[in-house]
Amino acid sequence: MISRRVWTQEQPASRGAEARALGIAGANDSPMKKEYDFSQGERGKFCREDAVPNLPIYLDGDNRAFIEEVAQLKKREVSTAVNEPIRSDRELLRTVE
């Protein structure tokens, strides 16, 4: 059975609110407003249409350790140590085709 938790005014809506409700030191004392006025807002103000997302790539632990070691030995950034072999493999694969 799936249970639903209904938030009421008395229940904290976040961990910060929960911490404040419990009186935990260091909890944020400035809770969010109930409403915000976006009538003067400008849609897309900080979004660029030509932006290209830079997606994270997650390596297995052994591959990450190897690449970090190679980067350190060659005194290069980890991203360079990852991209160089990919570029050379791409060129090799193009010649095989």
PDB file of N, CA and C in Angstrom:
ATOM      1  N   MET A   1       0.838  -1.179   0.000  1.00  0.00           N
ATOM      2  CA  MET A   1       0.000   0.000   0.000  1.00  0.00           C
ATOM      3  C   MET A   1       0.886   1.246   0.000  1.00  0.00           C
ATOM      4  N   ILE A   2       0.588   2.186  -0.866  1.00  0.00           N
ATOM      5  CA  ILE A   2       1.348   3.430  -0.953  1.00  0.00           C
ATOM      6  C   ILE A   2       0.712   4.440  -0.015  1.00  0.00           C
ATOM      7  N   SER A   3       1.537   5.010   0.827  1.00  0.00           N
ATOM      8  CA  SER A   3       1.008   6.020   1.740  1.00  0.00           C
ATOM      9  C   SER A   3       1.361   7.398   1.213  1.00  0.00           C
ATOM     10  N   ARG A   4       0.457   8.328   1.404  1.00  0.00           N
ATOM     11  CA  ARG A   4       0.695   9.709   1.011  1.00  0.00           C
ATOM     12  C   ARG A   4       0.788  10.560   2.257  1.00  0.00           C
ATOM     13  N   ARG A   5       1.711  11.479   2.214  1.00  0.00           N
ATOM     14  CA  ARG A   5       1.850  12.405   3.324  1.00  0.00           C
ATOM     15  C   ARG A   5       1.293  13.747   2.881  1.00  0.00           C
ATOM     16  N   VAL A   6       0.345  14.234   3.585  1.00  0.00           N
ATOM     17  CA  VAL A   6      -0.274  15.517   3.266  1.00  0.00           C
ATOM     18  C   VAL A   6       0.370  16.578   4.143  1.00  0.00           C
ATOM     19  N   TRP A   7       0.849  17.633   3.476  1.00  0.00           N
ATOM     20  CA  TRP A   7       1.509  18.706   4.210  1.00  0.00           C
ATOM     21  C   TRP A   7       0.484  19.731   4.645  1.00  0.00           C
ATOM     22  N   THR A   8       0.490  20.035   5.914  1.00  0.00           N
ATOM     23  CA  THR A   8      -0.366  21.081   6.446  1.00  0.00           C
ATOM     24  C   THR A   8       0.509  22.228   6.899  1.00  0.00           C
ATOM     25  N   GLN A   9      -0.106  23.304   7.305  1.00  0.00           N
ATOM     26  CA  GLN A   9       0.640  24.481   7.750  1.00  0.00           C
ATOM     27  C   GLN A   9       1.563  24.143   8.911  1.00  0.00           C
ATOM     28  N   GLU A  10       1.156  23.219   9.763  1.00  0.00           N
ATOM     29  CA  GLU A  10       1.945  22.894  10.943  1.00  0.00           C
ATOM     30  C   GLU A  10       3.137  21.995  10.627  1.00  0.00           C
ATOM     31  N   GLN A  11       3.042  21.249   9.518  1.00  0.00           N
ATOM     32  CA  GLN A  11       4.109  20.310   9.195  1.00  0.00           C
ATOM     33  C   GLN A  11       5.200  21.008   8.395  1.00  0.00           C
ATOM     34  N   PRO A  12       6.470  20.723   8.697  1.00  0.00           N
ATOM     35  CA  PRO A  12       7.566  21.331   7.934  1.00  0.00           C
ATOM     36  C   PRO A  12       7.584  20.795   6.512  1.00  0.00           C
ATOM     37  N   ALA A  13       7.832  21.667   5.541  1.00  0.00           N
ATOM     38  CA  ALA A  13       7.809  21.276   4.138  1.00  0.00           C
ATOM     39  C   ALA A  13       9.186  20.888   3.615  1.00  0.00           C
ATOM     40  N   SER A  14      10.218  21.052   4.397  1.00  0.00           N
ATOM     41  CA  SER A  14      11.561  20.707   3.945  1.00  0.00           C
ATOM     42  C   SER A  14      12.419  20.361   5.150  1.00  0.00           C
ATOM     43  N   ARG A  15      13.612  19.878   4.864  1.00  0.00           N
ATOM     44  CA  ARG A  15      14.514  19.541   5.969  1.00  0.00           C
ATOM     45  C   ARG A  15      14.888  20.784   6.772  1.00  0.00           C
ATOM     46  N   GLY A  16      15.056  21.923   6.071  1.00  0.00           N
ATOM     47  CA  GLY A  16      15.368  23.168   6.766  1.00  0.00           C
ATOM     48  C   GLY A  16      14.242  23.577   7.688  1.00  0.00           C
ATOM     49  N   ALA A  17      13.017  23.443   7.183  1.00  0.00           N
ATOM     50  CA  ALA A  17      11.859  23.779   8.009  1.00  0.00           C
ATOM     51  C   ALA A  17      11.738  22.791   9.165  1.00  0.00           C
ATOM     52  N   GLU A  18      12.038  21.546   8.879  1.00  0.00           N
ATOM     53  CA  GLU A  18      11.997  20.517   9.921  1.00  0.00           C
ATOM     54  C   GLU A  18      13.024  20.833  11.003  1.00  0.00           C
ATOM     55  N   ALA A  19      14.217  21.251  10.587  1.00  0.00           N
ATOM     56  CA  ALA A  19      15.263  21.600  11.544  1.00  0.00           C
ATOM     57  C   ALA A  19      14.841  22.801  12.383  1.00  0.00           C
ATOM     58  N   ARG A  20      14.219  23.794  11.713  1.00  0.00           N
ATOM     59  CA  ARG A  20      13.734  24.954  12.462  1.00  0.00           C
ATOM     60  C   ARG A  20      12.666  24.548  13.459  1.00  0.00           C
ATOM     61  N   ALA A  21      11.754  23.657  13.027  1.00  0.00           N
ATOM     62  CA  ALA A  21      10.672  23.216  13.908  1.00  0.00           C
ATOM     63  C   ALA A  21      11.218  22.484  15.126  1.00  0.00           C
ATOM     64  N   LEU A  22      12.331  21.774  14.931  1.00  0.00           N
ATOM     65  CA  LEU A  22      12.937  21.033  16.038  1.00  0.00           C
ATOM     66  C   LEU A  22      13.888  21.900  16.860  1.00  0.00           C
ATOM     67  N   GLY A  23      14.124  23.126  16.416  1.00  0.00           N
ATOM     68  CA  GLY A  23      14.999  24.030  17.155  1.00  0.00           C
ATOM     69  C   GLY A  23      16.469  23.690  17.020  1.00  0.00           C
ATOM     70  N   ILE A  24      16.850  23.086  15.901  1.00  0.00           N
ATOM     71  CA  ILE A  24      18.248  22.708  15.690  1.00  0.00           C
ATOM     72  C   ILE A  24      19.057  23.958  15.364  1.00  0.00           C
ATOM     73  N   ALA A  25      20.190  24.107  16.031  1.00  0.00           N
ATOM     74  CA  ALA A  25      21.054  25.271  15.833  1.00  0.00           C
ATOM     75  C   ALA A  25      21.561  25.310  14.404  1.00  0.00           C
ATOM     76  N   GLY A  26      21.662  26.498  13.861  1.00  0.00           N
ATOM     77  CA  GLY A  26      22.190  26.675  12.514  1.00  0.00           C
ATOM     78  C   GLY A  26      21.142  26.527  11.425  1.00  0.00           C
ATOM     79  N   ALA A  27      19.906  26.246  11.804  1.00  0.00           N
ATOM     80  CA  ALA A  27      18.854  26.118  10.799  1.00  0.00           C
ATOM     81  C   ALA A  27      18.585  27.490  10.190  1.00  0.00           C
ATOM     82  N   ASN A  28      18.241  27.498   8.927  1.00  0.00           N
ATOM     83  CA  ASN A  28      17.975  28.746   8.214  1.00  0.00           C
ATOM     84  C   ASN A  28      16.788  29.458   8.852  1.00  0.00           C
ATOM     85  N   ASP A  29      16.992  30.710   9.237  1.00  0.00           N
ATOM     86  CA  ASP A  29      15.936  31.467   9.906  1.00  0.00           C
ATOM     87  C   ASP A  29      15.084  32.279   8.933  1.00  0.00           C
ATOM     88  N   SER A  30      15.336  32.187   7.640  1.00  0.00           N
ATOM     89  CA  SER A  30      14.546  32.947   6.676  1.00  0.00           C
ATOM     90  C   SER A  30      13.797  31.984   5.762  1.00  0.00           C
ATOM     91  N   PRO A  31      12.608  31.561   6.179  1.00  0.00           N
ATOM     92  CA  PRO A  31      11.850  30.620   5.355  1.00  0.00           C
ATOM     93  C   PRO A  31      11.374  31.294   4.069  1.00  0.00           C
ATOM     94  N   MET A  32      11.053  30.492   3.076  1.00  0.00           N
ATOM     95  CA  MET A  32      10.546  31.023   1.819  1.00  0.00           C
ATOM     96  C   MET A  32       9.201  31.692   2.037  1.00  0.00           C
ATOM     97  N   LYS A  33       8.907  32.648   1.188  1.00  0.00           N
ATOM     98  CA  LYS A  33       7.603  33.299   1.229  1.00  0.00           C
ATOM     99  C   LYS A  33       6.552  32.310   0.734  1.00  0.00           C
ATOM    100  N   LYS A  34       5.306  32.548   1.125  1.00  0.00           N
ATOM    101  CA  LYS A  34       4.226  31.686   0.656  1.00  0.00           C
ATOM    102  C   LYS A  34       3.968  31.900  -0.823  1.00  0.00           C
ATOM    103  N   GLU A  35       4.130  33.125  -1.302  1.00  0.00           N
ATOM    104  CA  GLU A  35       3.896  33.441  -2.702  1.00  0.00           C
ATOM    105  C   GLU A  35       4.980  34.372  -3.214  1.00  0.00           C
ATOM    106  N   TYR A  36       5.280  34.240  -4.499  1.00  0.00           N
ATOM    107  CA  TYR A  36       6.228  35.133  -5.170  1.00  0.00           C
ATOM    108  C   TYR A  36       5.520  35.739  -6.374  1.00  0.00           C
ATOM    109  N   ASP A  37       5.799  37.002  -6.655  1.00  0.00           N
ATOM    110  CA  ASP A  37       5.173  37.703  -7.770  1.00  0.00           C
ATOM    111  C   ASP A  37       6.090  37.640  -8.980  1.00  0.00           C
ATOM    112  N   PHE A  38       5.692  36.882  -9.993  1.00  0.00           N
ATOM    113  CA  PHE A  38       6.476  36.761 -11.213  1.00  0.00           C
ATOM    114  C   PHE A  38       5.868  37.574 -12.361  1.00  0.00           C
ATOM    115  N   SER A  39       4.934  38.485 -12.042  1.00  0.00           N
ATOM    116  CA  SER A  39       4.253  39.235 -13.093  1.00  0.00           C
ATOM    117  C   SER A  39       5.218  40.143 -13.874  1.00  0.00           C
ATOM    118  N   GLN A  40       6.295  40.571 -13.252  1.00  0.00           N
ATOM    119  CA  GLN A  40       7.272  41.422 -13.933  1.00  0.00           C
ATOM    120  C   GLN A  40       8.454  40.606 -14.466  1.00  0.00           C
ATOM    121  N   GLY A  41       8.365  39.289 -14.351  1.00  0.00           N
ATOM    122  CA  GLY A  41       9.454  38.423 -14.796  1.00  0.00           C
ATOM    123  C   GLY A  41       9.562  38.367 -16.305  1.00  0.00           C
ATOM    124  N   GLU A  42      10.748  38.004 -16.776  1.00  0.00           N
ATOM    125  CA  GLU A  42      11.008  37.912 -18.207  1.00  0.00           C
ATOM    126  C   GLU A  42      11.394  36.471 -18.529  1.00  0.00           C
ATOM    127  N   ARG A  43      10.558  35.798 -19.298  1.00  0.00           N
ATOM    128  CA  ARG A  43      10.793  34.403 -19.637  1.00  0.00           C
ATOM    129  C   ARG A  43      12.061  34.260 -20.489  1.00  0.00           C
ATOM    130  N   GLY A  44      12.916  33.324 -20.111  1.00  0.00           N
ATOM    131  CA  GLY A  44      14.111  33.029 -20.886  1.00  0.00           C
ATOM    132  C   GLY A  44      15.235  34.035 -20.747  1.00  0.00           C
ATOM    133  N   LYS A  45      15.190  34.880 -19.753  1.00  0.00           N
ATOM    134  CA  LYS A  45      16.183  35.939 -19.600  1.00  0.00           C
ATOM    135  C   LYS A  45      17.606  35.377 -19.486  1.00  0.00           C
ATOM    136  N   PHE A  46      17.761  34.282 -18.790  1.00  0.00           N
ATOM    137  CA  PHE A  46      19.100  33.723 -18.568  1.00  0.00           C
ATOM    138  C   PHE A  46      19.357  32.465 -19.380  1.00  0.00           C
ATOM    139  N   CYS A  47      18.490  32.160 -20.312  1.00  0.00           N
ATOM    140  CA  CYS A  47      18.624  30.959 -21.136  1.00  0.00           C
ATOM    141  C   CYS A  47      19.076  31.362 -22.536  1.00  0.00           C
ATOM    142  N   ARG A  48      20.132  30.716 -23.017  1.00  0.00           N
ATOM    143  CA  ARG A  48      20.614  30.992 -24.367  1.00  0.00           C
ATOM    144  C   ARG A  48      20.188  29.852 -25.281  1.00  0.00           C
ATOM    145  N   GLU A  49      19.633  30.182 -26.436  1.00  0.00           N
ATOM    146  CA  GLU A  49      19.175  29.154 -27.367  1.00  0.00           C
ATOM    147  C   GLU A  49      20.341  28.366 -27.946  1.00  0.00           C
ATOM    148  N   ASP A  50      21.515  28.990 -28.072  1.00  0.00           N
ATOM    149  CA  ASP A  50      22.662  28.319 -28.663  1.00  0.00           C
ATOM    150  C   ASP A  50      23.498  27.550 -27.633  1.00  0.00           C
ATOM    151  N   ALA A  51      23.028  27.503 -26.385  1.00  0.00           N
ATOM    152  CA  ALA A  51      23.778  26.806 -25.340  1.00  0.00           C
ATOM    153  C   ALA A  51      23.782  25.298 -25.602  1.00  0.00           C
ATOM    154  N   VAL A  52      24.937  24.693 -25.399  1.00  0.00           N
ATOM    155  CA  VAL A  52      25.086  23.248 -25.556  1.00  0.00           C
ATOM    156  C   VAL A  52      25.340  22.668 -24.170  1.00  0.00           C
ATOM    157  N   PRO A  53      24.507  21.724 -23.746  1.00  0.00           N
ATOM    158  CA  PRO A  53      24.711  21.159 -22.405  1.00  0.00           C
ATOM    159  C   PRO A  53      26.002  20.359 -22.339  1.00  0.00           C
ATOM    160  N   ASN A  54      26.710  20.491 -21.236  1.00  0.00           N
ATOM    161  CA  ASN A  54      27.932  19.740 -21.010  1.00  0.00           C
ATOM    162  C   ASN A  54      27.573  18.606 -20.052  1.00  0.00           C
ATOM    163  N   LEU A  55      27.278  17.445 -20.603  1.00  0.00           N
ATOM    164  CA  LEU A  55      26.792  16.334 -19.807  1.00  0.00           C
ATOM    165  C   LEU A  55      27.923  15.664 -19.032  1.00  0.00           C
ATOM    166  N   PRO A  56      27.677  15.313 -17.792  1.00  0.00           N
ATOM    167  CA  PRO A  56      28.707  14.594 -17.031  1.00  0.00           C
ATOM    168  C   PRO A  56      28.838  13.163 -17.538  1.00  0.00           C
ATOM    169  N   ILE A  57      30.040  12.669 -17.527  1.00  0.00           N
ATOM    170  CA  ILE A  57      30.292  11.281 -17.912  1.00  0.00           C
ATOM    171  C   ILE A  57      30.903  10.593 -16.701  1.00  0.00           C
ATOM    172  N   TYR A  58      30.291   9.503 -16.300  1.00  0.00           N
ATOM    173  CA  TYR A  58      30.721   8.793 -15.108  1.00  0.00           C
ATOM    174  C   TYR A  58      31.551   7.573 -15.508  1.00  0.00           C
ATOM    175  N   LEU A  59      32.768   7.505 -14.996  1.00  0.00           N
ATOM    176  CA  LEU A  59      33.665   6.390 -15.273  1.00  0.00           C
ATOM    177  C   LEU A  59      33.609   5.385 -14.131  1.00  0.00           C
ATOM    178  N   ASP A  60      33.850   4.129 -14.471  1.00  0.00           N
ATOM    179  CA  ASP A  60      33.994   3.121 -13.426  1.00  0.00           C
ATOM    180  C   ASP A  60      35.221   3.470 -12.593  1.00  0.00           C
ATOM    181  N   GLY A  61      35.246   3.000 -11.374  1.00  0.00           N
ATOM    182  CA  GLY A  61      36.324   3.347 -10.450  1.00  0.00           C
ATOM    183  C   GLY A  61      37.710   3.045 -10.979  1.00  0.00           C
ATOM    184  N   ASP A  62      37.891   1.870 -11.594  1.00  0.00           N
ATOM    185  CA  ASP A  62      39.221   1.515 -12.098  1.00  0.00           C
ATOM    186  C   ASP A  62      39.622   2.393 -13.280  1.00  0.00           C
ATOM    187  N   ASN A  63      38.659   2.723 -14.149  1.00  0.00           N
ATOM    188  CA  ASN A  63      38.962   3.616 -15.271  1.00  0.00           C
ATOM    189  C   ASN A  63      39.270   5.028 -14.790  1.00  0.00           C
ATOM    190  N   ARG A  64      38.533   5.490 -13.802  1.00  0.00           N
ATOM    191  CA  ARG A  64      38.776   6.829 -13.255  1.00  0.00           C
ATOM    192  C   ARG A  64      40.172   6.912 -12.651  1.00  0.00           C
ATOM    193  N   ALA A  65      40.541   5.895 -11.877  1.00  0.00           N
ATOM    194  CA  ALA A  65      41.862   5.881 -11.243  1.00  0.00           C
ATOM    195  C   ALA A  65      42.965   5.864 -12.303  1.00  0.00           C
ATOM    196  N   PHE A  66      42.771   5.078 -13.364  1.00  0.00           N
ATOM    197  CA  PHE A  66      43.756   4.996 -14.431  1.00  0.00           C
ATOM    198  C   PHE A  66      43.911   6.342 -15.131  1.00  0.00           C
ATOM    199  N   ILE A  67      42.791   6.967 -15.478  1.00  0.00           N
ATOM    200  CA  ILE A  67      42.837   8.255 -16.176  1.00  0.00           C
ATOM    201  C   ILE A  67      43.462   9.331 -15.296  1.00  0.00           C
ATOM    202  N   GLU A  68      43.151   9.328 -14.016  1.00  0.00           N
ATOM    203  CA  GLU A  68      43.754  10.306 -13.102  1.00  0.00           C
ATOM    204  C   GLU A  68      45.258  10.108 -13.017  1.00  0.00           C
ATOM    205  N   GLU A  69      45.692   8.850 -13.013  1.00  0.00           N
ATOM    206  CA  GLU A  69      47.129   8.555 -12.976  1.00  0.00           C
ATOM    207  C   GLU A  69      47.812   9.032 -14.251  1.00  0.00           C
ATOM    208  N   VAL A  70      47.198   8.765 -15.401  1.00  0.00           N
ATOM    209  CA  VAL A  70      47.748   9.210 -16.679  1.00  0.00           C
ATOM    210  C   VAL A  70      47.833  10.733 -16.715  1.00  0.00           C
ATOM    211  N   ALA A  71      46.771  11.402 -16.269  1.00  0.00           N
ATOM    212  CA  ALA A  71      46.748  12.867 -16.267  1.00  0.00           C
ATOM    213  C   ALA A  71      47.860  13.421 -15.386  1.00  0.00           C
ATOM    214  N   GLN A  72      48.061  12.795 -14.238  1.00  0.00           N
ATOM    215  CA  GLN A  72      49.103  13.261 -13.326  1.00  0.00           C
ATOM    216  C   GLN A  72      50.492  13.048 -13.935  1.00  0.00           C
ATOM    217  N   LEU A  73      50.718  11.892 -14.558  1.00  0.00           N
ATOM    218  CA  LEU A  73      52.019  11.614 -15.173  1.00  0.00           C
ATOM    219  C   LEU A  73      52.314  12.571 -16.329  1.00  0.00           C
ATOM    220  N   LYS A  74      51.300  12.881 -17.127  1.00  0.00           N
ATOM    221  CA  LYS A  74      51.484  13.780 -18.268  1.00  0.00           C
ATOM    222  C   LYS A  74      51.335  15.258 -17.886  1.00  0.00           C
ATOM    223  N   LYS A  75      51.010  15.504 -16.603  1.00  0.00           N
ATOM    224  CA  LYS A  75      50.803  16.866 -16.101  1.00  0.00           C
ATOM    225  C   LYS A  75      49.753  17.600 -16.938  1.00  0.00           C
ATOM    226  N   ARG A  76      48.599  16.934 -17.080  1.00  0.00           N
ATOM    227  CA  ARG A  76      47.490  17.488 -17.837  1.00  0.00           C
ATOM    228  C   ARG A  76      46.223  17.379 -17.024  1.00  0.00           C
ATOM    229  N   GLU A  77      45.196  18.069 -17.474  1.00  0.00           N
ATOM    230  CA  GLU A  77      43.882  17.975 -16.861  1.00  0.00           C
ATOM    231  C   GLU A  77      43.295  16.591 -17.145  1.00  0.00           C
ATOM    232  N   VAL A  78      42.423  16.137 -16.254  1.00  0.00           N
ATOM    233  CA  VAL A  78      41.774  14.836 -16.428  1.00  0.00           C
ATOM    234  C   VAL A  78      40.946  14.832 -17.713  1.00  0.00           C
ATOM    235  N   SER A  79      40.263  15.920 -18.011  1.00  0.00           N
ATOM    236  CA  SER A  79      39.451  15.964 -19.229  1.00  0.00           C
ATOM    237  C   SER A  79      40.301  15.785 -20.481  1.00  0.00           C
ATOM    238  N   THR A  80      41.516  16.326 -20.476  1.00  0.00           N
ATOM    239  CA  THR A  80      42.427  16.150 -21.602  1.00  0.00           C
ATOM    240  C   THR A  80      42.867  14.701 -21.701  1.00  0.00           C
ATOM    241  N   ALA A  81      43.146  14.082 -20.563  1.00  0.00           N
ATOM    242  CA  ALA A  81      43.560  12.676 -20.554  1.00  0.00           C
ATOM    243  C   ALA A  81      42.438  11.758 -21.025  1.00  0.00           C
ATOM    244  N   VAL A  82      41.209  12.169 -20.888  1.00  0.00           N
ATOM    245  CA  VAL A  82      40.071  11.382 -21.379  1.00  0.00           C
ATOM    246  C   VAL A  82      39.876  11.630 -22.869  1.00  0.00           C
ATOM    247  N   ASN A  83      39.944  12.891 -23.289  1.00  0.00           N
ATOM    248  CA  ASN A  83      39.633  13.240 -24.673  1.00  0.00           C
ATOM    249  C   ASN A  83      40.692  12.795 -25.677  1.00  0.00           C
ATOM    250  N   GLU A  84      41.968  12.805 -25.313  1.00  0.00           N
ATOM    251  CA  GLU A  84      43.024  12.435 -26.261  1.00  0.00           C
ATOM    252  C   GLU A  84      42.864  11.008 -26.802  1.00  0.00           C
ATOM    253  N   PRO A  85      42.695   9.986 -25.951  1.00  0.00           N
ATOM    254  CA  PRO A  85      42.524   8.637 -26.508  1.00  0.00           C
ATOM    255  C   PRO A  85      41.235   8.485 -27.322  1.00  0.00           C
ATOM    256  N   ILE A  86      40.196   9.213 -26.941  1.00  0.00           N
ATOM    257  CA  ILE A  86      38.956   9.138 -27.719  1.00  0.00           C
ATOM    258  C   ILE A  86      39.189   9.705 -29.114  1.00  0.00           C
ATOM    259  N   ARG A  87      39.906  10.825 -29.199  1.00  0.00           N
ATOM    260  CA  ARG A  87      40.201  11.415 -30.508  1.00  0.00           C
ATOM    261  C   ARG A  87      41.024  10.464 -31.368  1.00  0.00           C
ATOM    262  N   SER A  88      42.048   9.851 -30.788  1.00  0.00           N
ATOM    263  CA  SER A  88      42.881   8.943 -31.574  1.00  0.00           C
ATOM    264  C   SER A  88      42.096   7.702 -31.996  1.00  0.00           C
ATOM    265  N   ASP A  89      41.201   7.208 -31.138  1.00  0.00           N
ATOM    266  CA  ASP A  89      40.361   6.065 -31.511  1.00  0.00           C
ATOM    267  C   ASP A  89      39.406   6.440 -32.638  1.00  0.00           C
ATOM    268  N   ARG A  90      38.882   7.649 -32.600  1.00  0.00           N
ATOM    269  CA  ARG A  90      37.991   8.099 -33.673  1.00  0.00           C
ATOM    270  C   ARG A  90      38.735   8.121 -34.997  1.00  0.00           C
ATOM    271  N   GLU A  91      39.953   8.646 -34.993  1.00  0.00           N
ATOM    272  CA  GLU A  91      40.737   8.699 -36.227  1.00  0.00           C
ATOM    273  C   GLU A  91      41.063   7.292 -36.715  1.00  0.00           C
ATOM    274  N   LEU A  92      41.412   6.400 -35.815  1.00  0.00           N
ATOM    275  CA  LEU A  92      41.703   5.020 -36.178  1.00  0.00           C
ATOM    276  C   LEU A  92      40.479   4.339 -36.780  1.00  0.00           C
ATOM    277  N   LEU A  93      39.330   4.537 -36.170  1.00  0.00           N
ATOM    278  CA  LEU A  93      38.094   3.925 -36.676  1.00  0.00           C
ATOM    279  C   LEU A  93      37.705   4.474 -38.030  1.00  0.00           C
ATOM    280  N   ARG A  94      37.986   5.741 -38.280  1.00  0.00           N
ATOM    281  CA  ARG A  94      37.689   6.324 -39.597  1.00  0.00           C
ATOM    282  C   ARG A  94      38.540   5.705 -40.691  1.00  0.00           C
ATOM    283  N   THR A  95      39.787   5.368 -40.380  1.00  0.00           N
ATOM    284  CA  THR A  95      40.658   4.751 -41.378  1.00  0.00           C
ATOM    285  C   THR A  95      40.253   3.318 -41.661  1.00  0.00           C
ATOM    286  N   VAL A  96      39.660   2.637 -40.688  1.00  0.00           N
ATOM    287  CA  VAL A  96      39.235   1.249 -40.851  1.00  0.00           C
ATOM    288  C   VAL A  96      37.976   1.175 -41.718  1.00  0.00           C
ATOM    289  N   GLU A  97      37.112   2.166 -41.634  1.00  0.00           N
ATOM    290  CA  GLU A  97      35.861   2.156 -42.388  1.00  0.00           C
ATOM    291  C   GLU A  97      36.101   2.159 -43.821  1.00  0.00           C
TER     292      GLU A  97
END
